[in-house]
Amino acid sequence: MLSERLQLLQRHQDAWRKLSWTKHEVMEMHTGGLWELYGNMLVQSKGRARKHLIFHQLPSVLRGIEEKKWELKTAFILRDFGIDPSQNLLVLLEARSPCVP
């Protein structure tokens, strides 16, 4: 078990040194205008009303992270948001006026 973890760590470091990716993927960018990429998480707002967030956990073969997607609908218009997956944190800022860009 320990030797397998060491091999994974060495493969991960080697991939970064050589910039050799194990997978290439094209991501759809939604029309909501708000997005954040933090660690292995991409979160985007969807639609002009900006009441809908799309979460995409980016996979990593070397780190043993599987791909996941889920959505969240809010009761209010989003002005902005912030995430920190390491703390399981999502902060939503409400727009006070529907006219706010």
C-alpha atoms as a PDB file:
ATOM      1  CA  MET A   1       0.000   0.000   0.000  1.00  0.00           C
ATOM      2  CA  LEU A   2       2.734   2.464   0.929  1.00  0.00           C
ATOM      3  CA  SER A   3       4.727   1.632  -2.207  1.00  0.00           C
ATOM      4  CA  GLU A   4       1.621   2.235  -4.359  1.00  0.00           C
ATOM      5  CA  ARG A   5       1.098   5.657  -2.774  1.00  0.00           C
ATOM      6  CA  LEU A   6       4.765   6.524  -3.339  1.00  0.00           C
ATOM      7  CA  GLN A   7       4.469   5.495  -6.999  1.00  0.00           C
ATOM      8  CA  LEU A   8       1.352   7.662  -7.415  1.00  0.00           C
ATOM      9  CA  LEU A   9       3.142  10.611  -5.832  1.00  0.00           C
ATOM     10  CA  GLN A  10       6.137  10.143  -8.130  1.00  0.00           C
ATOM     11  CA  ARG A  11       3.861   9.886 -11.203  1.00  0.00           C
ATOM     12  CA  HIS A  12       2.010  13.040 -10.099  1.00  0.00           C
ATOM     13  CA  GLN A  13       5.232  15.023  -9.601  1.00  0.00           C
ATOM     14  CA  ASP A  14       6.678  13.719 -12.869  1.00  0.00           C
ATOM     15  CA  ALA A  15       3.512  14.724 -14.767  1.00  0.00           C
ATOM     16  CA  TRP A  16       3.789  18.290 -13.415  1.00  0.00           C
ATOM     17  CA  ARG A  17       7.520  18.503 -14.169  1.00  0.00           C
ATOM     18  CA  LYS A  18       6.982  17.409 -17.779  1.00  0.00           C
ATOM     19  CA  LEU A  19       3.523  19.001 -18.132  1.00  0.00           C
ATOM     20  CA  SER A  20       2.216  15.706 -19.466  1.00  0.00           C
ATOM     21  CA  TRP A  21      -1.527  15.426 -18.951  1.00  0.00           C
ATOM     22  CA  THR A  22      -3.335  12.108 -18.660  1.00  0.00           C
ATOM     23  CA  LYS A  23      -6.580  13.556 -20.036  1.00  0.00           C
ATOM     24  CA  HIS A  24      -7.729  16.491 -22.153  1.00  0.00           C
ATOM     25  CA  GLU A  25     -11.297  17.729 -21.840  1.00  0.00           C
ATOM     26  CA  VAL A  26     -13.174  20.708 -23.281  1.00  0.00           C
ATOM     27  CA  MET A  27     -15.542  22.312 -20.765  1.00  0.00           C
ATOM     28  CA  GLU A  28     -18.787  24.055 -21.675  1.00  0.00           C
ATOM     29  CA  MET A  29     -18.891  27.630 -20.407  1.00  0.00           C
ATOM     30  CA  HIS A  30     -22.437  28.584 -19.421  1.00  0.00           C
ATOM     31  CA  THR A  31     -23.999  31.969 -20.167  1.00  0.00           C
ATOM     32  CA  GLY A  32     -24.534  33.191 -16.590  1.00  0.00           C
ATOM     33  CA  GLY A  33     -21.375  35.290 -16.499  1.00  0.00           C
ATOM     34  CA  LEU A  34     -20.176  34.150 -13.058  1.00  0.00           C
ATOM     35  CA  TRP A  35     -17.599  31.409 -12.669  1.00  0.00           C
ATOM     36  CA  GLU A  36     -14.796  30.264 -10.404  1.00  0.00           C
ATOM     37  CA  LEU A  37     -12.110  27.624 -10.761  1.00  0.00           C
ATOM     38  CA  TYR A  38     -10.596  26.614  -7.437  1.00  0.00           C
ATOM     39  CA  GLY A  39      -8.517  23.479  -6.992  1.00  0.00           C
ATOM     40  CA  ASN A  40     -10.343  20.737  -8.810  1.00  0.00           C
ATOM     41  CA  MET A  41     -13.739  22.512  -8.765  1.00  0.00           C
ATOM     42  CA  LEU A  42     -15.273  24.547 -11.590  1.00  0.00           C
ATOM     43  CA  VAL A  43     -18.484  26.371 -10.629  1.00  0.00           C
ATOM     44  CA  GLN A  44     -20.499  28.462 -13.091  1.00  0.00           C
ATOM     45  CA  SER A  45     -23.760  30.341 -13.039  1.00  0.00           C
ATOM     46  CA  LYS A  46     -26.233  29.320 -15.694  1.00  0.00           C
ATOM     47  CA  GLY A  47     -28.796  31.497 -17.455  1.00  0.00           C
ATOM     48  CA  ARG A  48     -29.340  35.238 -17.544  1.00  0.00           C
ATOM     49  CA  ALA A  49     -31.314  35.226 -14.270  1.00  0.00           C
ATOM     50  CA  ARG A  50     -28.202  33.950 -12.386  1.00  0.00           C
ATOM     51  CA  LYS A  51     -30.186  31.841  -9.930  1.00  0.00           C
ATOM     52  CA  HIS A  52     -28.609  28.548 -10.947  1.00  0.00           C
ATOM     53  CA  LEU A  53     -25.093  27.178 -10.227  1.00  0.00           C
ATOM     54  CA  ILE A  54     -23.460  24.228 -11.983  1.00  0.00           C
ATOM     55  CA  PHE A  55     -20.702  22.434 -10.017  1.00  0.00           C
ATOM     56  CA  HIS A  56     -18.113  20.260 -11.739  1.00  0.00           C
ATOM     57  CA  GLN A  57     -15.515  18.372  -9.723  1.00  0.00           C
ATOM     58  CA  LEU A  58     -12.668  17.798 -12.161  1.00  0.00           C
ATOM     59  CA  PRO A  59     -11.271  14.264 -12.111  1.00  0.00           C
ATOM     60  CA  SER A  60      -7.681  13.237 -11.429  1.00  0.00           C
ATOM     61  CA  VAL A  61      -6.475   9.710 -12.100  1.00  0.00           C
ATOM     62  CA  LEU A  62      -3.221  10.295 -10.231  1.00  0.00           C
ATOM     63  CA  ARG A  63      -4.924  11.801  -7.174  1.00  0.00           C
ATOM     64  CA  GLY A  64      -7.824   9.345  -7.152  1.00  0.00           C
ATOM     65  CA  ILE A  65     -10.503  12.032  -7.602  1.00  0.00           C
ATOM     66  CA  GLU A  66     -13.593  11.043  -9.549  1.00  0.00           C
ATOM     67  CA  GLU A  67     -15.605  13.358 -11.759  1.00  0.00           C
ATOM     68  CA  LYS A  68     -18.859  14.631 -10.259  1.00  0.00           C
ATOM     69  CA  LYS A  69     -21.453  17.142 -11.427  1.00  0.00           C
ATOM     70  CA  TRP A  70     -24.353  18.674  -9.541  1.00  0.00           C
ATOM     71  CA  GLU A  71     -26.525  21.791  -9.557  1.00  0.00           C
ATOM     72  CA  LEU A  72     -27.923  24.287  -7.060  1.00  0.00           C
ATOM     73  CA  LYS A  73     -30.857  26.635  -7.637  1.00  0.00           C
ATOM     74  CA  THR A  74     -31.142  29.703  -5.414  1.00  0.00           C
ATOM     75  CA  ALA A  75     -34.198  31.749  -4.477  1.00  0.00           C
ATOM     76  CA  PHE A  76     -32.395  35.001  -5.323  1.00  0.00           C
ATOM     77  CA  ILE A  77     -30.289  36.554  -8.084  1.00  0.00           C
ATOM     78  CA  LEU A  78     -26.560  36.051  -7.541  1.00  0.00           C
ATOM     79  CA  ARG A  79     -24.193  39.017  -7.614  1.00  0.00           C
ATOM     80  CA  ASP A  80     -21.168  36.785  -7.033  1.00  0.00           C
ATOM     81  CA  PHE A  81     -20.050  33.686  -5.186  1.00  0.00           C
ATOM     82  CA  GLY A  82     -16.907  32.168  -3.727  1.00  0.00           C
ATOM     83  CA  ILE A  83     -15.851  28.597  -3.004  1.00  0.00           C
ATOM     84  CA  ASP A  84     -13.236  26.777  -0.957  1.00  0.00           C
ATOM     85  CA  PRO A  85     -13.670  23.018  -1.465  1.00  0.00           C
ATOM     86  CA  SER A  86     -11.050  22.208   1.193  1.00  0.00           C
ATOM     87  CA  GLN A  87     -13.394  23.754   3.794  1.00  0.00           C
ATOM     88  CA  ASN A  88     -16.604  22.558   2.127  1.00  0.00           C
ATOM     89  CA  LEU A  89     -17.457  26.270   1.811  1.00  0.00           C
ATOM     90  CA  LEU A  90     -19.771  28.081  -0.597  1.00  0.00           C
ATOM     91  CA  VAL A  91     -20.494  31.810  -0.125  1.00  0.00           C
ATOM     92  CA  LEU A  92     -23.353  33.385  -2.099  1.00  0.00           C
ATOM     93  CA  LEU A  93     -23.764  37.160  -2.541  1.00  0.00           C
ATOM     94  CA  GLU A  94     -27.265  38.335  -3.385  1.00  0.00           C
ATOM     95  CA  ALA A  95     -27.828  41.058  -5.984  1.00  0.00           C
ATOM     96  CA  ARG A  96     -29.936  43.843  -4.515  1.00  0.00           C
ATOM     97  CA  SER A  97     -31.328  44.892  -7.892  1.00  0.00           C
ATOM     98  CA  PRO A  98     -32.147  42.784 -10.984  1.00  0.00           C
ATOM     99  CA  CYS A  99     -30.219  45.408 -13.013  1.00  0.00           C
ATOM    100  CA  VAL A 100     -26.857  44.597 -11.377  1.00  0.00           C
ATOM    101  CA  PRO A 101     -24.443  43.137 -13.964  1.00  0.00           C
END
